[in-house]
């Protein structure tokens, strides 16, 4: 059984394309720049061009449309038009799929990965909320977004003394 040849219609992986940049002739770097940026290269500094091309290749490959993000942005724009103010974050804020949240707790580092379906992967299991994971880690009820630093802890204000009218 012979090993199969890669299909020439299949583009090489982004990592492969980036690793080949130093081997390309400067003329090839310039033509790749023109194809990716639709403009002439701004400099003859090869290191600059390679880095920007590598970034652009990754941007093109990994850019995904997140319907939740589009919906949140639409609501934020509508709110801005109505109130003239931008809210810091929607209450239903969720990290983008693939985001890794890290928290050190009692000398141990914990990592959680946000998945595309809105759940979270932790310790080989899937959880529906960060709060479930925070409880799993600490053994007590926590706000997951607060525990992982996505949201500031609301400090309770000291009660103020109300003065009555004399």
C-alpha atoms as a PDB file:
ATOM      1  CA  UNK A   1       0.000   0.000   0.000  1.00  0.00           C
ATOM      2  CA  UNK A   2       1.511   3.295  -1.104  1.00  0.00           C
ATOM      3  CA  UNK A   3       1.157   6.428   1.015  1.00  0.00           C
ATOM      4  CA  UNK A   4      -1.361   8.788  -0.474  1.00  0.00           C
ATOM      5  CA  UNK A   5      -0.143  12.033  -1.942  1.00  0.00           C
ATOM      6  CA  UNK A   6      -1.661  15.224  -0.614  1.00  0.00           C
ATOM      7  CA  UNK A   7      -4.401  16.595  -2.811  1.00  0.00           C
ATOM      8  CA  UNK A   8      -2.955  19.609  -4.692  1.00  0.00           C
ATOM      9  CA  UNK A   9      -6.321  21.383  -4.321  1.00  0.00           C
ATOM     10  CA  UNK A  10      -5.936  21.303  -0.531  1.00  0.00           C
ATOM     11  CA  UNK A  11      -4.064  24.375   0.648  1.00  0.00           C
ATOM     12  CA  UNK A  12      -1.160  23.831   3.027  1.00  0.00           C
ATOM     13  CA  UNK A  13      -1.842  24.455   6.690  1.00  0.00           C
ATOM     14  CA  UNK A  14      -1.296  27.930   8.064  1.00  0.00           C
ATOM     15  CA  UNK A  15       1.614  26.694  10.186  1.00  0.00           C
ATOM     16  CA  UNK A  16       3.197  25.197   7.084  1.00  0.00           C
ATOM     17  CA  UNK A  17       2.736  28.415   5.105  1.00  0.00           C
ATOM     18  CA  UNK A  18       4.236  30.489   7.907  1.00  0.00           C
ATOM     19  CA  UNK A  19       7.194  28.136   8.369  1.00  0.00           C
ATOM     20  CA  UNK A  20       7.985  28.481   4.643  1.00  0.00           C
ATOM     21  CA  UNK A  21       8.055  32.301   4.657  1.00  0.00           C
ATOM     22  CA  UNK A  22      11.808  32.591   5.452  1.00  0.00           C
ATOM     23  CA  UNK A  23      12.591  30.305   2.505  1.00  0.00           C
ATOM     24  CA  UNK A  24      10.645  32.381  -0.041  1.00  0.00           C
ATOM     25  CA  UNK A  25      12.417  34.771  -2.371  1.00  0.00           C
ATOM     26  CA  UNK A  26      11.782  38.446  -1.690  1.00  0.00           C
ATOM     27  CA  UNK A  27       9.853  38.678  -4.972  1.00  0.00           C
ATOM     28  CA  UNK A  28       7.516  35.939  -3.710  1.00  0.00           C
ATOM     29  CA  UNK A  29       7.097  37.745  -0.376  1.00  0.00           C
ATOM     30  CA  UNK A  30       6.121  40.914  -2.244  1.00  0.00           C
ATOM     31  CA  UNK A  31       3.590  39.113  -4.452  1.00  0.00           C
ATOM     32  CA  UNK A  32       2.109  37.345  -1.404  1.00  0.00           C
ATOM     33  CA  UNK A  33       1.804  40.725   0.324  1.00  0.00           C
ATOM     34  CA  UNK A  34       0.006  42.152  -2.694  1.00  0.00           C
ATOM     35  CA  UNK A  35      -2.392  39.182  -2.795  1.00  0.00           C
ATOM     36  CA  UNK A  36      -3.190  39.348   0.939  1.00  0.00           C
ATOM     37  CA  UNK A  37      -3.301  43.108   1.496  1.00  0.00           C
ATOM     38  CA  UNK A  38      -4.309  44.357  -1.975  1.00  0.00           C
ATOM     39  CA  UNK A  39      -1.571  46.991  -1.809  1.00  0.00           C
ATOM     40  CA  UNK A  40       2.124  47.348  -2.475  1.00  0.00           C
ATOM     41  CA  UNK A  41       4.387  46.426   0.413  1.00  0.00           C
ATOM     42  CA  UNK A  42       5.116  49.471   2.607  1.00  0.00           C
ATOM     43  CA  UNK A  43       8.745  48.586   3.337  1.00  0.00           C
ATOM     44  CA  UNK A  44      11.638  46.414   2.251  1.00  0.00           C
ATOM     45  CA  UNK A  45      12.173  45.157   5.803  1.00  0.00           C
ATOM     46  CA  UNK A  46      11.760  41.410   5.323  1.00  0.00           C
ATOM     47  CA  UNK A  47      11.188  40.634   9.014  1.00  0.00           C
ATOM     48  CA  UNK A  48       8.324  43.155   9.156  1.00  0.00           C
ATOM     49  CA  UNK A  49       6.740  41.744   5.994  1.00  0.00           C
ATOM     50  CA  UNK A  50       7.016  38.122   7.173  1.00  0.00           C
ATOM     51  CA  UNK A  51       5.452  38.915  10.538  1.00  0.00           C
ATOM     52  CA  UNK A  52       2.534  40.849   9.035  1.00  0.00           C
ATOM     53  CA  UNK A  53       1.950  38.121   6.422  1.00  0.00           C
ATOM     54  CA  UNK A  54       2.023  35.432   9.128  1.00  0.00           C
ATOM     55  CA  UNK A  55      -0.522  37.388  11.165  1.00  0.00           C
ATOM     56  CA  UNK A  56      -2.761  37.928   8.120  1.00  0.00           C
ATOM     57  CA  UNK A  57      -2.648  34.223   7.192  1.00  0.00           C
ATOM     58  CA  UNK A  58      -3.727  33.281  10.718  1.00  0.00           C
ATOM     59  CA  UNK A  59      -6.414  35.960  10.724  1.00  0.00           C
ATOM     60  CA  UNK A  60      -7.903  34.622   7.498  1.00  0.00           C
ATOM     61  CA  UNK A  61      -7.738  30.985   8.592  1.00  0.00           C
ATOM     62  CA  UNK A  62      -9.072  31.361  12.116  1.00  0.00           C
ATOM     63  CA  UNK A  63     -11.684  34.052  11.578  1.00  0.00           C
ATOM     64  CA  UNK A  64     -15.033  32.434  12.270  1.00  0.00           C
ATOM     65  CA  UNK A  65     -18.471  33.956  12.384  1.00  0.00           C
ATOM     66  CA  UNK A  66     -19.936  33.716  15.875  1.00  0.00           C
ATOM     67  CA  UNK A  67     -23.718  34.311  15.706  1.00  0.00           C
ATOM     68  CA  UNK A  68     -23.774  35.025  19.441  1.00  0.00           C
ATOM     69  CA  UNK A  69     -21.155  37.741  19.027  1.00  0.00           C
ATOM     70  CA  UNK A  70     -23.083  39.278  16.141  1.00  0.00           C
ATOM     71  CA  UNK A  71     -26.284  39.265  18.222  1.00  0.00           C
ATOM     72  CA  UNK A  72     -24.533  40.835  21.236  1.00  0.00           C
ATOM     73  CA  UNK A  73     -23.027  43.539  19.036  1.00  0.00           C
ATOM     74  CA  UNK A  74     -26.432  44.286  17.490  1.00  0.00           C
ATOM     75  CA  UNK A  75     -27.957  44.684  20.980  1.00  0.00           C
ATOM     76  CA  UNK A  76     -25.082  46.917  22.106  1.00  0.00           C
ATOM     77  CA  UNK A  77     -25.511  49.145  19.048  1.00  0.00           C
ATOM     78  CA  UNK A  78     -29.271  49.395  19.627  1.00  0.00           C
ATOM     79  CA  UNK A  79     -28.653  50.267  23.286  1.00  0.00           C
ATOM     80  CA  UNK A  80     -26.117  52.916  22.285  1.00  0.00           C
ATOM     81  CA  UNK A  81     -28.592  54.490  19.868  1.00  0.00           C
ATOM     82  CA  UNK A  82     -31.408  54.452  22.451  1.00  0.00           C
ATOM     83  CA  UNK A  83     -29.494  55.613  25.520  1.00  0.00           C
ATOM     84  CA  UNK A  84     -26.374  57.264  24.150  1.00  0.00           C
ATOM     85  CA  UNK A  85     -24.294  55.100  26.520  1.00  0.00           C
ATOM     86  CA  UNK A  86     -22.293  51.941  25.990  1.00  0.00           C
ATOM     87  CA  UNK A  87     -22.743  49.209  28.573  1.00  0.00           C
ATOM     88  CA  UNK A  88     -19.505  47.600  29.635  1.00  0.00           C
ATOM     89  CA  UNK A  89     -20.686  44.050  28.911  1.00  0.00           C
ATOM     90  CA  UNK A  90     -23.894  42.172  28.345  1.00  0.00           C
ATOM     91  CA  UNK A  91     -24.933  40.052  31.302  1.00  0.00           C
ATOM     92  CA  UNK A  92     -24.926  36.996  29.022  1.00  0.00           C
ATOM     93  CA  UNK A  93     -21.309  37.541  28.052  1.00  0.00           C
ATOM     94  CA  UNK A  94     -19.482  34.350  27.158  1.00  0.00           C
ATOM     95  CA  UNK A  95     -15.874  34.048  26.022  1.00  0.00           C
ATOM     96  CA  UNK A  96     -15.199  33.245  22.376  1.00  0.00           C
ATOM     97  CA  UNK A  97     -14.879  29.531  21.587  1.00  0.00           C
ATOM     98  CA  UNK A  98     -11.347  28.327  22.227  1.00  0.00           C
ATOM     99  CA  UNK A  99     -10.637  30.887  24.948  1.00  0.00           C
ATOM    100  CA  UNK A 100      -8.658  29.363  27.795  1.00  0.00           C
ATOM    101  CA  UNK A 101      -9.433  30.716  31.253  1.00  0.00           C
ATOM    102  CA  UNK A 102      -6.784  30.126  33.888  1.00  0.00           C
ATOM    103  CA  UNK A 103      -7.134  30.514  37.638  1.00  0.00           C
ATOM    104  CA  UNK A 104      -4.746  29.679  40.418  1.00  0.00           C
ATOM    105  CA  UNK A 105      -6.548  28.577  43.555  1.00  0.00           C
ATOM    106  CA  UNK A 106      -4.853  27.323  46.707  1.00  0.00           C
ATOM    107  CA  UNK A 107      -1.544  26.824  44.926  1.00  0.00           C
ATOM    108  CA  UNK A 108      -2.977  24.812  42.009  1.00  0.00           C
ATOM    109  CA  UNK A 109      -3.593  26.113  38.498  1.00  0.00           C
ATOM    110  CA  UNK A 110      -6.935  25.314  36.862  1.00  0.00           C
ATOM    111  CA  UNK A 111      -7.698  25.704  33.161  1.00  0.00           C
ATOM    112  CA  UNK A 112     -11.074  25.926  31.451  1.00  0.00           C
ATOM    113  CA  UNK A 113     -11.688  26.091  27.703  1.00  0.00           C
ATOM    114  CA  UNK A 114     -14.794  27.726  26.231  1.00  0.00           C
ATOM    115  CA  UNK A 115     -16.388  25.577  23.537  1.00  0.00           C
ATOM    116  CA  UNK A 116     -18.333  26.630  20.455  1.00  0.00           C
ATOM    117  CA  UNK A 117     -21.617  25.270  21.836  1.00  0.00           C
ATOM    118  CA  UNK A 118     -21.523  27.714  24.779  1.00  0.00           C
ATOM    119  CA  UNK A 119     -20.352  25.130  27.303  1.00  0.00           C
ATOM    120  CA  UNK A 120     -17.012  24.869  29.075  1.00  0.00           C
ATOM    121  CA  UNK A 121     -14.515  22.013  29.161  1.00  0.00           C
ATOM    122  CA  UNK A 122     -12.761  21.407  32.461  1.00  0.00           C
ATOM    123  CA  UNK A 123     -10.848  18.402  33.695  1.00  0.00           C
ATOM    124  CA  UNK A 124     -12.094  16.238  30.814  1.00  0.00           C
ATOM    125  CA  UNK A 125     -15.756  17.049  31.470  1.00  0.00           C
ATOM    126  CA  UNK A 126     -18.270  19.498  30.008  1.00  0.00           C
ATOM    127  CA  UNK A 127     -20.029  22.086  32.181  1.00  0.00           C
ATOM    128  CA  UNK A 128     -22.824  24.476  31.260  1.00  0.00           C
ATOM    129  CA  UNK A 129     -21.538  27.345  33.382  1.00  0.00           C
ATOM    130  CA  UNK A 130     -18.395  28.736  34.918  1.00  0.00           C
ATOM    131  CA  UNK A 131     -20.181  28.811  38.266  1.00  0.00           C
ATOM    132  CA  UNK A 132     -20.489  25.010  38.203  1.00  0.00           C
ATOM    133  CA  UNK A 133     -16.748  24.764  37.611  1.00  0.00           C
ATOM    134  CA  UNK A 134     -15.943  27.286  40.349  1.00  0.00           C
ATOM    135  CA  UNK A 135     -18.040  25.232  42.764  1.00  0.00           C
ATOM    136  CA  UNK A 136     -16.292  22.055  41.635  1.00  0.00           C
ATOM    137  CA  UNK A 137     -12.908  23.662  42.352  1.00  0.00           C
ATOM    138  CA  UNK A 138     -13.696  25.428  45.624  1.00  0.00           C
ATOM    139  CA  UNK A 139     -16.483  23.311  47.106  1.00  0.00           C
ATOM    140  CA  UNK A 140     -18.516  26.494  47.719  1.00  0.00           C
ATOM    141  CA  UNK A 141     -20.853  28.619  45.648  1.00  0.00           C
ATOM    142  CA  UNK A 142     -19.054  31.218  43.560  1.00  0.00           C
ATOM    143  CA  UNK A 143     -19.938  33.408  40.644  1.00  0.00           C
ATOM    144  CA  UNK A 144     -17.985  31.715  37.871  1.00  0.00           C
ATOM    145  CA  UNK A 145     -17.322  34.941  35.931  1.00  0.00           C
ATOM    146  CA  UNK A 146     -16.017  36.550  39.133  1.00  0.00           C
ATOM    147  CA  UNK A 147     -13.927  33.484  40.047  1.00  0.00           C
ATOM    148  CA  UNK A 148     -12.245  33.468  36.622  1.00  0.00           C
ATOM    149  CA  UNK A 149     -11.818  37.253  36.490  1.00  0.00           C
ATOM    150  CA  UNK A 150     -14.308  37.990  33.701  1.00  0.00           C
ATOM    151  CA  UNK A 151     -16.391  40.191  35.962  1.00  0.00           C
ATOM    152  CA  UNK A 152     -15.473  42.404  38.894  1.00  0.00           C
ATOM    153  CA  UNK A 153     -16.706  41.428  42.320  1.00  0.00           C
ATOM    154  CA  UNK A 154     -19.435  43.795  43.475  1.00  0.00           C
ATOM    155  CA  UNK A 155     -18.224  45.225  46.727  1.00  0.00           C
ATOM    156  CA  UNK A 156     -21.053  45.786  49.162  1.00  0.00           C
ATOM    157  CA  UNK A 157     -21.304  49.393  50.134  1.00  0.00           C
ATOM    158  CA  UNK A 158     -21.152  50.263  53.803  1.00  0.00           C
ATOM    159  CA  UNK A 159     -24.578  51.301  55.064  1.00  0.00           C
ATOM    160  CA  UNK A 160     -24.929  55.035  55.259  1.00  0.00           C
ATOM    161  CA  UNK A 161     -26.558  56.717  58.180  1.00  0.00           C
ATOM    162  CA  UNK A 162     -29.667  58.562  57.179  1.00  0.00           C
ATOM    163  CA  UNK A 163     -30.200  61.753  59.008  1.00  0.00           C
ATOM    164  CA  UNK A 164     -33.739  62.681  59.810  1.00  0.00           C
ATOM    165  CA  UNK A 165     -35.048  66.197  59.424  1.00  0.00           C
ATOM    166  CA  UNK A 166     -35.218  68.279  62.534  1.00  0.00           C
END
